[in-house]
Amino acid sequence: MENKVWYLRQNRLFESANDSTVDASQHLFETCLYPRKAYVFDQGDPSRLVYLVKRGKVRLTRLTPDGKEVTVAVLGAGDLFGEETLFADAPRTTHAVCIEETLLCSAKADDLFALLSDSPALALNVAKVLSDKLLDASATMEDLAYANVPDRIMHLLNRLAAEHGVETPGGGVLLNVRLTHADIASLIGSTRETVSLELSHLTKAGRIAYDGKHITLPR
């Protein structure tokens, strides 16, 4: 059996929270195991649930007016998403799909909002999450304005390595997340064909190691 309290303590929502706060909050959360490629929610979904990732990976995507699916974020253990429902009763603006088998905790937005109202420490944690997402969005906009495609790719890979990286025996960092070339293109504002070409160039230049499935960043 998965230990709900242990996983809650590992999540950014409960960072630096005392044991009594976590223990008193666990009844608000339900745990559910999602298979690979399962949708957690769709764009336009009116549900008001907030999700904590216990293990696995979740990709957030947005469907553009012309029907193109754009990847906006990749989340892993310790992350939370769907927090926009805490502050507005509005339909979802993204899709959430599991990249691999994923274990999630969910809580009703109203229950979680009441919890935050009683706990300044947890409210501050949510504010930090929102701030980090804003900084990521600002960095992406700056890349789009000033950086060339290879640099955009490397900035993204370095960020993913910090969030999902695993040390390798050779001293590099393996990105423990599977993204298609189209996913990478969505995240950096490019095209799949350009990303494929630049990944090949980066591999030949020794800036990354890429076997067609996994990317490793050398130290």
Protein backbone atom coordinates (compact mmCIF):
# COMPACT_ATOMS: atom_id res chain seq x y z
CA MET A 1 0.00 0.00 0.00
CA GLU A 2 1.19 3.50 -0.81
CA ASN A 3 1.75 5.68 2.26
CA LYS A 4 -0.37 8.79 1.64
CA VAL A 5 1.12 10.82 4.50
CA TRP A 6 4.69 10.10 3.37
CA TYR A 7 3.93 11.24 -0.17
CA LEU A 8 2.14 14.37 1.03
CA ARG A 9 5.23 15.33 2.99
CA GLN A 10 7.32 15.06 -0.21
CA ASN A 11 5.03 17.40 -2.15
CA ARG A 12 5.78 21.09 -2.64
CA LEU A 13 2.44 21.98 -1.10
CA PHE A 14 3.58 20.67 2.28
CA GLU A 15 7.21 21.83 2.09
CA SER A 16 8.44 22.75 5.60
CA ALA A 17 5.00 21.98 7.07
CA ASN A 18 4.96 20.35 10.48
CA ASP A 19 3.80 16.76 10.94
CA SER A 20 0.53 17.73 12.60
CA THR A 21 -0.48 19.85 9.59
CA VAL A 22 0.17 17.00 7.19
CA ASP A 23 -1.56 14.41 9.35
CA ALA A 24 -4.61 16.65 9.81
CA SER A 25 -4.85 17.26 6.05
CA GLN A 26 -4.61 13.72 4.72
CA HIS A 27 -8.37 13.07 4.89
CA LEU A 28 -8.93 15.76 2.23
CA PHE A 29 -7.00 13.80 -0.40
CA GLU A 30 -8.00 10.79 -2.43
CA THR A 31 -5.40 8.63 -4.16
CA CYS A 32 -5.86 7.22 -7.65
CA LEU A 33 -3.57 5.27 -9.99
CA TYR A 34 -3.73 6.32 -13.65
CA PRO A 35 -2.39 4.17 -16.49
CA ARG A 36 -0.03 5.49 -19.14
CA LYS A 37 -1.72 7.84 -21.63
CA ALA A 38 -4.74 8.33 -19.36
CA TYR A 39 -6.30 11.80 -19.29
CA VAL A 40 -6.68 13.33 -15.82
CA PHE A 41 -8.83 16.14 -17.18
CA ASP A 42 -9.61 17.78 -20.52
CA GLN A 43 -9.49 21.38 -21.64
CA GLY A 44 -12.86 22.92 -20.81
CA ASP A 45 -13.50 20.46 -17.96
CA PRO A 46 -15.51 22.23 -15.19
CA SER A 47 -14.20 19.97 -12.38
CA ARG A 48 -12.59 21.78 -9.45
CA LEU A 49 -9.93 19.41 -8.16
CA VAL A 50 -6.28 20.08 -7.35
CA TYR A 51 -3.77 17.28 -7.95
CA LEU A 52 -0.50 16.31 -6.28
CA VAL A 53 1.87 13.99 -8.15
CA LYS A 54 2.98 11.14 -5.89
CA ARG A 55 4.92 9.29 -8.59
CA GLY A 56 4.98 9.20 -12.36
CA LYS A 57 4.89 12.00 -14.96
CA VAL A 58 2.10 14.27 -16.20
CA ARG A 59 2.14 16.42 -19.33
CA LEU A 60 0.01 19.56 -19.50
CA THR A 61 -1.06 20.53 -23.01
CA ARG A 62 -3.25 23.18 -24.58
CA LEU A 63 -5.29 22.89 -27.77
CA THR A 64 -4.92 25.96 -29.99
CA PRO A 65 -7.87 27.38 -31.98
CA ASP A 66 -6.50 25.70 -35.13
CA GLY A 67 -6.50 22.29 -33.41
CA LYS A 68 -2.78 22.03 -32.65
CA GLU A 69 -1.81 20.44 -29.33
CA VAL A 70 0.92 22.39 -27.54
CA THR A 71 2.86 21.03 -24.55
CA VAL A 72 3.13 23.67 -21.82
CA ALA A 73 4.69 21.73 -18.92
CA VAL A 74 5.98 18.35 -17.77
CA LEU A 75 5.44 17.50 -14.10
CA GLY A 76 6.83 14.79 -11.84
CA ALA A 77 6.77 13.56 -8.25
CA GLY A 78 6.37 16.39 -5.76
CA ASP A 79 4.61 18.75 -8.18
CA LEU A 80 1.04 19.97 -8.03
CA PHE A 81 -1.28 21.11 -10.79
CA GLY A 82 -4.83 22.27 -11.30
CA GLU A 83 -4.23 24.94 -8.65
CA GLU A 84 -5.98 27.54 -10.83
CA THR A 85 -9.30 26.13 -9.57
CA LEU A 86 -8.44 27.44 -6.11
CA PHE A 87 -9.05 31.00 -7.23
CA ALA A 88 -11.61 30.84 -10.02
CA ASP A 89 -14.66 28.79 -10.87
CA ALA A 90 -13.81 28.47 -14.54
CA PRO A 91 -13.28 25.61 -17.01
CA ARG A 92 -9.81 24.09 -17.39
CA THR A 93 -7.53 25.80 -19.89
CA THR A 94 -5.30 22.73 -20.40
CA HIS A 95 -5.37 18.96 -20.82
CA ALA A 96 -3.51 16.78 -18.30
CA VAL A 97 -2.30 13.40 -19.58
CA CYS A 98 -0.10 10.79 -17.89
CA ILE A 99 3.16 10.13 -19.72
CA GLU A 100 3.60 6.92 -17.71
CA GLU A 101 1.71 5.09 -14.99
CA THR A 102 1.09 7.82 -12.43
CA LEU A 103 -0.14 7.94 -8.86
CA LEU A 104 -1.99 11.13 -7.95
CA CYS A 105 -3.62 12.62 -4.88
CA SER A 106 -6.58 14.90 -5.49
CA ALA A 107 -8.50 17.29 -3.26
CA LYS A 108 -11.55 19.46 -3.80
CA ALA A 109 -10.55 23.05 -4.47
CA ASP A 110 -12.93 24.42 -1.83
CA ASP A 111 -11.53 22.08 0.84
CA LEU A 112 -7.97 22.96 -0.08
CA PHE A 113 -8.74 26.68 -0.14
CA ALA A 114 -10.09 26.40 3.42
CA LEU A 115 -6.89 24.59 4.42
CA LEU A 116 -4.75 27.36 2.93
CA SER A 117 -6.82 29.99 4.72
CA ASP A 118 -5.94 28.35 8.04
CA SER A 119 -2.27 27.74 7.21
CA PRO A 120 -0.11 30.68 6.03
CA ALA A 121 2.80 28.27 5.44
CA LEU A 122 0.82 26.21 2.92
CA ALA A 123 -0.56 29.36 1.27
CA LEU A 124 3.02 30.59 0.87
CA ASN A 125 3.99 27.28 -0.75
CA VAL A 126 1.22 27.67 -3.33
CA ALA A 127 2.38 31.24 -3.96
CA LYS A 128 5.91 29.92 -4.58
CA VAL A 129 4.60 27.37 -7.07
CA LEU A 130 2.70 30.08 -8.95
CA SER A 131 5.77 32.33 -8.86
CA ASP A 132 7.99 29.57 -10.28
CA LYS A 133 5.52 28.96 -13.10
CA LEU A 134 5.51 32.67 -13.88
CA LEU A 135 9.31 32.72 -13.94
CA ASP A 136 9.36 29.71 -16.27
CA ALA A 137 6.90 31.46 -18.58
CA SER A 138 9.01 34.62 -18.53
CA ALA A 139 12.17 32.64 -19.32
CA THR A 140 10.41 30.93 -22.22
CA MET A 141 9.25 34.28 -23.60
CA GLU A 142 12.80 35.65 -23.33
CA ASP A 143 14.15 32.59 -25.16
CA LEU A 144 11.58 33.06 -27.92
CA ALA A 145 12.61 36.68 -28.30
CA TYR A 146 16.40 36.39 -28.14
CA ALA A 147 17.72 32.81 -28.16
CA ASN A 148 18.35 30.62 -31.19
CA VAL A 149 16.82 27.15 -31.38
CA PRO A 150 19.88 25.19 -30.10
CA ASP A 151 20.10 27.46 -27.05
CA ARG A 152 16.36 27.15 -26.44
CA ILE A 153 16.70 23.36 -26.53
CA MET A 154 19.63 23.40 -24.10
CA HIS A 155 17.82 25.76 -21.71
CA LEU A 156 14.83 23.41 -21.72
CA LEU A 157 16.97 20.28 -21.26
CA ASN A 158 18.86 21.86 -18.37
CA ARG A 159 15.58 22.79 -16.69
CA LEU A 160 14.21 19.27 -17.20
CA ALA A 161 17.47 17.81 -15.88
CA ALA A 162 17.09 19.85 -12.69
CA GLU A 163 13.50 18.65 -12.27
CA HIS A 164 13.65 15.08 -13.61
CA GLY A 165 17.37 14.27 -13.91
CA VAL A 166 19.05 11.08 -12.69
CA GLU A 167 22.81 10.86 -12.16
CA THR A 168 24.53 8.29 -14.39
CA PRO A 169 27.64 6.21 -13.57
CA GLY A 170 29.55 8.25 -16.16
CA GLY A 171 28.85 11.49 -14.31
CA GLY A 172 26.16 12.83 -16.64
CA VAL A 173 22.50 13.50 -15.97
CA LEU A 174 19.87 11.35 -17.67
CA LEU A 175 16.52 13.03 -18.32
CA ASN A 176 14.08 10.64 -16.69
CA VAL A 177 11.19 11.77 -18.87
CA ARG A 178 10.21 10.72 -22.37
CA LEU A 179 9.35 13.59 -24.70
CA THR A 180 8.77 13.43 -28.42
CA HIS A 181 10.42 15.90 -30.77
CA ALA A 182 6.98 17.47 -31.16
CA ASP A 183 6.75 17.92 -27.36
CA ILE A 184 10.12 19.66 -27.27
CA ALA A 185 9.12 21.84 -30.21
CA SER A 186 5.95 22.89 -28.37
CA LEU A 187 7.89 23.78 -25.24
CA ILE A 188 10.41 25.98 -27.05
CA GLY A 189 8.24 27.46 -29.79
CA SER A 190 9.76 25.68 -32.77
CA THR A 191 8.86 22.90 -35.22
CA ARG A 192 9.36 19.16 -34.93
CA GLU A 193 11.58 19.09 -38.03
CA THR A 194 13.85 21.83 -36.68
CA VAL A 195 14.11 20.17 -33.27
CA SER A 196 15.06 16.83 -34.87
CA LEU A 197 17.80 18.50 -36.88
CA GLU A 198 19.18 20.50 -33.96
CA LEU A 199 19.18 17.48 -31.62
CA SER A 200 21.34 15.72 -34.19
CA HIS A 201 23.70 18.70 -34.32
CA LEU A 202 23.88 18.93 -30.51
CA THR A 203 24.69 15.22 -30.32
CA LYS A 204 27.49 15.50 -32.88
CA ALA A 205 28.88 18.52 -31.02
CA GLY A 206 28.96 16.52 -27.76
CA ARG A 207 26.62 18.85 -25.93
CA ILE A 208 24.15 15.99 -25.36
CA ALA A 209 24.12 12.21 -25.66
CA TYR A 210 21.02 10.99 -27.45
CA ASP A 211 20.19 7.41 -28.45
CA GLY A 212 16.84 8.20 -30.05
CA LYS A 213 14.94 7.57 -26.81
CA HIS A 214 16.87 9.04 -23.89
CA ILE A 215 18.82 12.29 -23.56
CA THR A 216 21.81 12.60 -21.24
CA LEU A 217 23.59 15.85 -20.43
CA PRO A 218 27.35 15.41 -19.87
CA ARG A 219 29.02 17.19 -16.99
